[in-house]
C-alpha cells in the first residue's frame, strides 16, 4: 500500500488572519473525523501557514486538501468581514 504526502503553503500578509486560520485548522487537525484515512500537521512560519498531510490513498489526500483549503478560505473571509 502507498501513502500520499504533501504540504501546502498559504501566504497571508495579515497576522490576524494568519493566526485565525492556524487556530481553525489546528482544531480540525487535532480532531480528524477518520484518523485512519490520514493525518495533518499545521504550523506557522513567518508570513505563512504550512499545512502538511499524509493520507492512505489519493482520494483521502484530495479530501484532506479540499477540506483544509475550504476551511482556510472561509476563515479568511470571516476575518475580513468582521474587520480583521
C-alpha atoms as a PDB file:
ATOM      1  CA  UNK A   1       0.000   0.000   0.000  1.00  0.00           C
ATOM      2  CA  UNK A   2       1.217   3.507  -0.755  1.00  0.00           C
ATOM      3  CA  UNK A   3       0.819   6.782   1.082  1.00  0.00           C
ATOM      4  CA  UNK A   4       0.323  10.244  -0.354  1.00  0.00           C
ATOM      5  CA  UNK A   5       2.131  13.140   1.323  1.00  0.00           C
ATOM      6  CA  UNK A   6       2.363  16.828   0.623  1.00  0.00           C
ATOM      7  CA  UNK A   7       2.491  20.323   2.037  1.00  0.00           C
ATOM      8  CA  UNK A   8       0.513  23.427   1.154  1.00  0.00           C
ATOM      9  CA  UNK A   9       1.870  26.865   1.993  1.00  0.00           C
ATOM     10  CA  UNK A  10      -0.598  29.698   2.468  1.00  0.00           C
ATOM     11  CA  UNK A  11       0.932  33.170   2.429  1.00  0.00           C
ATOM     12  CA  UNK A  12      -1.192  35.536   4.471  1.00  0.00           C
ATOM     13  CA  UNK A  13       0.121  39.093   4.856  1.00  0.00           C
ATOM     14  CA  UNK A  14      -2.111  39.938   7.817  1.00  0.00           C
ATOM     15  CA  UNK A  15      -1.008  38.397  11.118  1.00  0.00           C
ATOM     16  CA  UNK A  16      -4.563  38.349  12.497  1.00  0.00           C
ATOM     17  CA  UNK A  17      -5.817  36.288   9.548  1.00  0.00           C
ATOM     18  CA  UNK A  18      -2.770  34.019   9.745  1.00  0.00           C
ATOM     19  CA  UNK A  19      -3.347  33.244  13.418  1.00  0.00           C
ATOM     20  CA  UNK A  20      -7.107  32.759  12.940  1.00  0.00           C
ATOM     21  CA  UNK A  21      -6.576  30.289  10.103  1.00  0.00           C
ATOM     22  CA  UNK A  22      -3.874  28.478  12.077  1.00  0.00           C
ATOM     23  CA  UNK A  23      -6.208  28.046  15.049  1.00  0.00           C
ATOM     24  CA  UNK A  24      -9.111  26.852  12.910  1.00  0.00           C
ATOM     25  CA  UNK A  25      -7.014  24.332  11.003  1.00  0.00           C
ATOM     26  CA  UNK A  26      -5.239  23.126  14.129  1.00  0.00           C
ATOM     27  CA  UNK A  27      -8.566  22.278  15.774  1.00  0.00           C
ATOM     28  CA  UNK A  28      -9.501  20.203  12.726  1.00  0.00           C
ATOM     29  CA  UNK A  29      -6.075  18.520  12.640  1.00  0.00           C
ATOM     30  CA  UNK A  30      -6.326  17.517  16.301  1.00  0.00           C
ATOM     31  CA  UNK A  31      -9.832  16.078  15.872  1.00  0.00           C
ATOM     32  CA  UNK A  32      -9.992  14.339  12.483  1.00  0.00           C
ATOM     33  CA  UNK A  33     -13.271  12.636  11.565  1.00  0.00           C
ATOM     34  CA  UNK A  34     -11.442   9.459  10.464  1.00  0.00           C
ATOM     35  CA  UNK A  35      -7.789   9.315  11.578  1.00  0.00           C
ATOM     36  CA  UNK A  36      -7.278   6.076   9.645  1.00  0.00           C
ATOM     37  CA  UNK A  37      -7.564   7.980   6.347  1.00  0.00           C
ATOM     38  CA  UNK A  38      -4.795  10.442   7.080  1.00  0.00           C
ATOM     39  CA  UNK A  39      -3.215  12.974   9.361  1.00  0.00           C
ATOM     40  CA  UNK A  40      -2.427  16.667   9.102  1.00  0.00           C
ATOM     41  CA  UNK A  41       0.147  18.924  10.748  1.00  0.00           C
ATOM     42  CA  UNK A  42      -0.346  22.688  10.848  1.00  0.00           C
ATOM     43  CA  UNK A  43       2.476  25.112  11.606  1.00  0.00           C
ATOM     44  CA  UNK A  44       3.036  28.854  11.362  1.00  0.00           C
ATOM     45  CA  UNK A  45       6.155  30.260   9.740  1.00  0.00           C
ATOM     46  CA  UNK A  46       6.921  33.953   9.179  1.00  0.00           C
ATOM     47  CA  UNK A  47       4.168  35.311   6.936  1.00  0.00           C
ATOM     48  CA  UNK A  48       2.733  31.932   6.033  1.00  0.00           C
ATOM     49  CA  UNK A  49       0.901  28.878   7.232  1.00  0.00           C
ATOM     50  CA  UNK A  50       2.155  25.413   6.307  1.00  0.00           C
ATOM     51  CA  UNK A  51      -0.279  22.507   6.184  1.00  0.00           C
ATOM     52  CA  UNK A  52       1.352  19.094   5.686  1.00  0.00           C
ATOM     53  CA  UNK A  53      -0.627  15.920   5.240  1.00  0.00           C
ATOM     54  CA  UNK A  54      -0.149  12.193   4.921  1.00  0.00           C
ATOM     55  CA  UNK A  55      -3.033  10.188   3.508  1.00  0.00           C
ATOM     56  CA  UNK A  56      -3.591   6.487   2.914  1.00  0.00           C
ATOM     57  CA  UNK A  57      -4.557   6.981  -0.740  1.00  0.00           C
ATOM     58  CA  UNK A  58      -5.108   9.607  -3.412  1.00  0.00           C
ATOM     59  CA  UNK A  59      -8.813  10.046  -2.653  1.00  0.00           C
ATOM     60  CA  UNK A  60      -8.078  10.674   1.027  1.00  0.00           C
ATOM     61  CA  UNK A  61      -5.341  13.179   0.087  1.00  0.00           C
ATOM     62  CA  UNK A  62      -7.743  15.062  -2.162  1.00  0.00           C
ATOM     63  CA  UNK A  63     -10.348  15.119   0.595  1.00  0.00           C
ATOM     64  CA  UNK A  64      -7.843  16.468   3.121  1.00  0.00           C
ATOM     65  CA  UNK A  65      -6.567  19.148   0.738  1.00  0.00           C
ATOM     66  CA  UNK A  66     -10.095  20.262  -0.191  1.00  0.00           C
ATOM     67  CA  UNK A  67     -11.247  20.320   3.430  1.00  0.00           C
ATOM     68  CA  UNK A  68      -8.326  22.339   4.732  1.00  0.00           C
ATOM     69  CA  UNK A  69      -8.289  24.788   1.817  1.00  0.00           C
ATOM     70  CA  UNK A  70     -12.047  25.362   2.157  1.00  0.00           C
ATOM     71  CA  UNK A  71     -11.759  25.923   5.907  1.00  0.00           C
ATOM     72  CA  UNK A  72      -8.831  28.304   5.382  1.00  0.00           C
ATOM     73  CA  UNK A  73     -10.737  30.305   2.751  1.00  0.00           C
ATOM     74  CA  UNK A  74     -13.827  30.536   4.935  1.00  0.00           C
ATOM     75  CA  UNK A  75     -11.795  31.672   7.939  1.00  0.00           C
ATOM     76  CA  UNK A  76     -10.037  34.390   5.911  1.00  0.00           C
ATOM     77  CA  UNK A  77     -13.418  35.614   4.633  1.00  0.00           C
ATOM     78  CA  UNK A  78     -14.855  35.746   8.167  1.00  0.00           C
ATOM     79  CA  UNK A  79     -11.835  37.656   9.487  1.00  0.00           C
ATOM     80  CA  UNK A  80     -12.117  40.148   6.609  1.00  0.00           C
ATOM     81  CA  UNK A  81     -15.881  40.542   7.071  1.00  0.00           C
ATOM     82  CA  UNK A  82     -15.525  41.234  10.773  1.00  0.00           C
ATOM     83  CA  UNK A  83     -12.906  43.911  10.298  1.00  0.00           C
ATOM     84  CA  UNK A  84      -9.895  41.694  10.899  1.00  0.00           C
END
